[in-house]
């Protein structure tokens, strides 16, 4: 190892080698625009795109449910009874909770 360093010492301390090494270090580990940061930003971007697609599908499902719910009075009554535990005056509601 020592012979290797002594043999290549002039090439290691060459000004072009030093400048190139510093440039590559800044390119990879630079604060704002480094490659590491670029990969992290790309991962965040891909996650946001996936969330965007998920929410688009959820919006279409909810729009379809809204149309089905308000298109028929029976559907609206069924939803109110199940979701908000509403009842008619002459009825009793029993809630069964499974453990």
C-alpha atoms as a PDB file:
ATOM      1  CA  UNK A   1       0.000   0.000   0.000  1.00  0.00           C
ATOM      2  CA  UNK A   2       2.825   2.362   0.847  1.00  0.00           C
ATOM      3  CA  UNK A   3       4.593   1.614  -2.440  1.00  0.00           C
ATOM      4  CA  UNK A   4       1.351   2.313  -4.291  1.00  0.00           C
ATOM      5  CA  UNK A   5       1.053   5.760  -2.704  1.00  0.00           C
ATOM      6  CA  UNK A   6       4.685   6.619  -3.330  1.00  0.00           C
ATOM      7  CA  UNK A   7       4.483   5.408  -6.926  1.00  0.00           C
ATOM      8  CA  UNK A   8       1.334   7.373  -7.791  1.00  0.00           C
ATOM      9  CA  UNK A   9       1.906  10.376  -5.500  1.00  0.00           C
ATOM     10  CA  UNK A  10       2.475  12.850  -8.357  1.00  0.00           C
ATOM     11  CA  UNK A  11      -0.735  11.762 -10.060  1.00  0.00           C
ATOM     12  CA  UNK A  12      -2.782  11.927  -6.871  1.00  0.00           C
ATOM     13  CA  UNK A  13      -1.765  15.508  -6.121  1.00  0.00           C
ATOM     14  CA  UNK A  14      -2.067  16.663  -9.702  1.00  0.00           C
ATOM     15  CA  UNK A  15      -4.195  19.840  -9.850  1.00  0.00           C
ATOM     16  CA  UNK A  16      -6.569  18.352 -12.402  1.00  0.00           C
ATOM     17  CA  UNK A  17      -7.121  15.249 -10.299  1.00  0.00           C
ATOM     18  CA  UNK A  18      -7.809  17.324  -7.195  1.00  0.00           C
ATOM     19  CA  UNK A  19     -10.222  19.648  -9.013  1.00  0.00           C
ATOM     20  CA  UNK A  20     -12.036  16.717 -10.635  1.00  0.00           C
ATOM     21  CA  UNK A  21     -12.337  14.929  -7.291  1.00  0.00           C
ATOM     22  CA  UNK A  22     -13.722  18.039  -5.590  1.00  0.00           C
ATOM     23  CA  UNK A  23     -16.158  18.608  -8.464  1.00  0.00           C
ATOM     24  CA  UNK A  24     -17.438  15.034  -8.297  1.00  0.00           C
ATOM     25  CA  UNK A  25     -17.800  15.272  -4.516  1.00  0.00           C
ATOM     26  CA  UNK A  26     -19.866  18.457  -4.856  1.00  0.00           C
ATOM     27  CA  UNK A  27     -21.922  16.895  -7.643  1.00  0.00           C
ATOM     28  CA  UNK A  28     -22.827  13.845  -5.609  1.00  0.00           C
ATOM     29  CA  UNK A  29     -23.145  15.297  -2.107  1.00  0.00           C
ATOM     30  CA  UNK A  30     -23.931  18.945  -2.862  1.00  0.00           C
ATOM     31  CA  UNK A  31     -26.492  20.519  -0.577  1.00  0.00           C
ATOM     32  CA  UNK A  32     -29.288  21.529  -2.889  1.00  0.00           C
ATOM     33  CA  UNK A  33     -28.782  19.909  -6.279  1.00  0.00           C
ATOM     34  CA  UNK A  34     -26.726  16.854  -5.391  1.00  0.00           C
ATOM     35  CA  UNK A  35     -27.512  13.463  -6.826  1.00  0.00           C
ATOM     36  CA  UNK A  36     -28.533  12.119  -3.432  1.00  0.00           C
ATOM     37  CA  UNK A  37     -31.077  14.909  -3.047  1.00  0.00           C
ATOM     38  CA  UNK A  38     -32.292  14.405  -6.620  1.00  0.00           C
ATOM     39  CA  UNK A  39     -33.029  10.724  -5.936  1.00  0.00           C
ATOM     40  CA  UNK A  40     -34.904  11.625  -2.750  1.00  0.00           C
ATOM     41  CA  UNK A  41     -36.949  14.207  -4.609  1.00  0.00           C
ATOM     42  CA  UNK A  42     -37.736  11.672  -7.360  1.00  0.00           C
ATOM     43  CA  UNK A  43     -39.013   9.195  -4.747  1.00  0.00           C
ATOM     44  CA  UNK A  44     -41.255  11.860  -3.202  1.00  0.00           C
ATOM     45  CA  UNK A  45     -42.545  12.802  -6.662  1.00  0.00           C
ATOM     46  CA  UNK A  46     -43.422   9.193  -7.474  1.00  0.00           C
ATOM     47  CA  UNK A  47     -45.263   8.820  -4.153  1.00  0.00           C
ATOM     48  CA  UNK A  48     -47.266  11.968  -4.845  1.00  0.00           C
ATOM     49  CA  UNK A  49     -48.197  10.658  -8.298  1.00  0.00           C
ATOM     50  CA  UNK A  50     -49.417   7.387  -6.761  1.00  0.00           C
ATOM     51  CA  UNK A  51     -51.471   9.292  -4.179  1.00  0.00           C
ATOM     52  CA  UNK A  52     -52.894  11.446  -6.949  1.00  0.00           C
ATOM     53  CA  UNK A  53     -54.083   8.389  -8.879  1.00  0.00           C
ATOM     54  CA  UNK A  54     -55.541   6.872  -5.702  1.00  0.00           C
ATOM     55  CA  UNK A  55     -57.511  10.016  -4.887  1.00  0.00           C
ATOM     56  CA  UNK A  56     -58.770  10.335  -8.455  1.00  0.00           C
ATOM     57  CA  UNK A  57     -60.230   6.830  -8.263  1.00  0.00           C
ATOM     58  CA  UNK A  58     -61.719   7.579  -4.839  1.00  0.00           C
ATOM     59  CA  UNK A  59     -63.343  10.750  -6.185  1.00  0.00           C
ATOM     60  CA  UNK A  60     -64.956   8.863  -9.052  1.00  0.00           C
ATOM     61  CA  UNK A  61     -66.244   6.190  -6.638  1.00  0.00           C
ATOM     62  CA  UNK A  62     -67.704   8.835  -4.342  1.00  0.00           C
ATOM     63  CA  UNK A  63     -69.311  10.665  -7.250  1.00  0.00           C
ATOM     64  CA  UNK A  64     -70.960   7.432  -8.381  1.00  0.00           C
ATOM     65  CA  UNK A  65     -72.150   6.752  -4.827  1.00  0.00           C
ATOM     66  CA  UNK A  66     -73.540  10.288  -4.625  1.00  0.00           C
ATOM     67  CA  UNK A  67     -75.442   9.855  -7.878  1.00  0.00           C
ATOM     68  CA  UNK A  68     -76.847   6.484  -6.752  1.00  0.00           C
ATOM     69  CA  UNK A  69     -77.726   7.813  -3.328  1.00  0.00           C
ATOM     70  CA  UNK A  70     -79.677  10.878  -4.396  1.00  0.00           C
ATOM     71  CA  UNK A  71     -81.293   9.340  -7.457  1.00  0.00           C
ATOM     72  CA  UNK A  72     -83.690   7.250  -5.402  1.00  0.00           C
ATOM     73  CA  UNK A  73     -85.502   8.034  -2.129  1.00  0.00           C
ATOM     74  CA  UNK A  74     -85.230   4.423  -0.942  1.00  0.00           C
ATOM     75  CA  UNK A  75     -81.453   4.501  -1.300  1.00  0.00           C
ATOM     76  CA  UNK A  76     -81.294   7.730   0.680  1.00  0.00           C
ATOM     77  CA  UNK A  77     -83.468   6.298   3.449  1.00  0.00           C
ATOM     78  CA  UNK A  78     -81.374   3.111   3.576  1.00  0.00           C
ATOM     79  CA  UNK A  79     -78.168   5.141   3.835  1.00  0.00           C
ATOM     80  CA  UNK A  80     -79.594   7.330   6.623  1.00  0.00           C
ATOM     81  CA  UNK A  81     -80.758   4.295   8.574  1.00  0.00           C
ATOM     82  CA  UNK A  82     -77.418   2.457   8.274  1.00  0.00           C
ATOM     83  CA  UNK A  83     -75.003   5.330   8.642  1.00  0.00           C
ATOM     84  CA  UNK A  84     -76.717   7.657  11.106  1.00  0.00           C
ATOM     85  CA  UNK A  85     -78.936   5.108  12.905  1.00  0.00           C
ATOM     86  CA  UNK A  86     -82.093   7.025  12.058  1.00  0.00           C
ATOM     87  CA  UNK A  87     -85.441   5.392  12.594  1.00  0.00           C
ATOM     88  CA  UNK A  88     -89.106   5.956  12.094  1.00  0.00           C
ATOM     89  CA  UNK A  89     -91.349   6.920  15.010  1.00  0.00           C
ATOM     90  CA  UNK A  90     -92.867   3.476  15.364  1.00  0.00           C
ATOM     91  CA  UNK A  91     -89.577   1.530  15.224  1.00  0.00           C
ATOM     92  CA  UNK A  92     -86.922   0.464  17.708  1.00  0.00           C
ATOM     93  CA  UNK A  93     -83.272   0.168  16.692  1.00  0.00           C
ATOM     94  CA  UNK A  94     -81.040  -2.533  18.141  1.00  0.00           C
ATOM     95  CA  UNK A  95     -77.286  -2.334  17.608  1.00  0.00           C
ATOM     96  CA  UNK A  96     -75.420  -5.608  17.743  1.00  0.00           C
ATOM     97  CA  UNK A  97     -71.692  -5.283  18.380  1.00  0.00           C
ATOM     98  CA  UNK A  98     -69.504  -8.282  17.585  1.00  0.00           C
ATOM     99  CA  UNK A  99     -66.383  -8.815  19.638  1.00  0.00           C
END
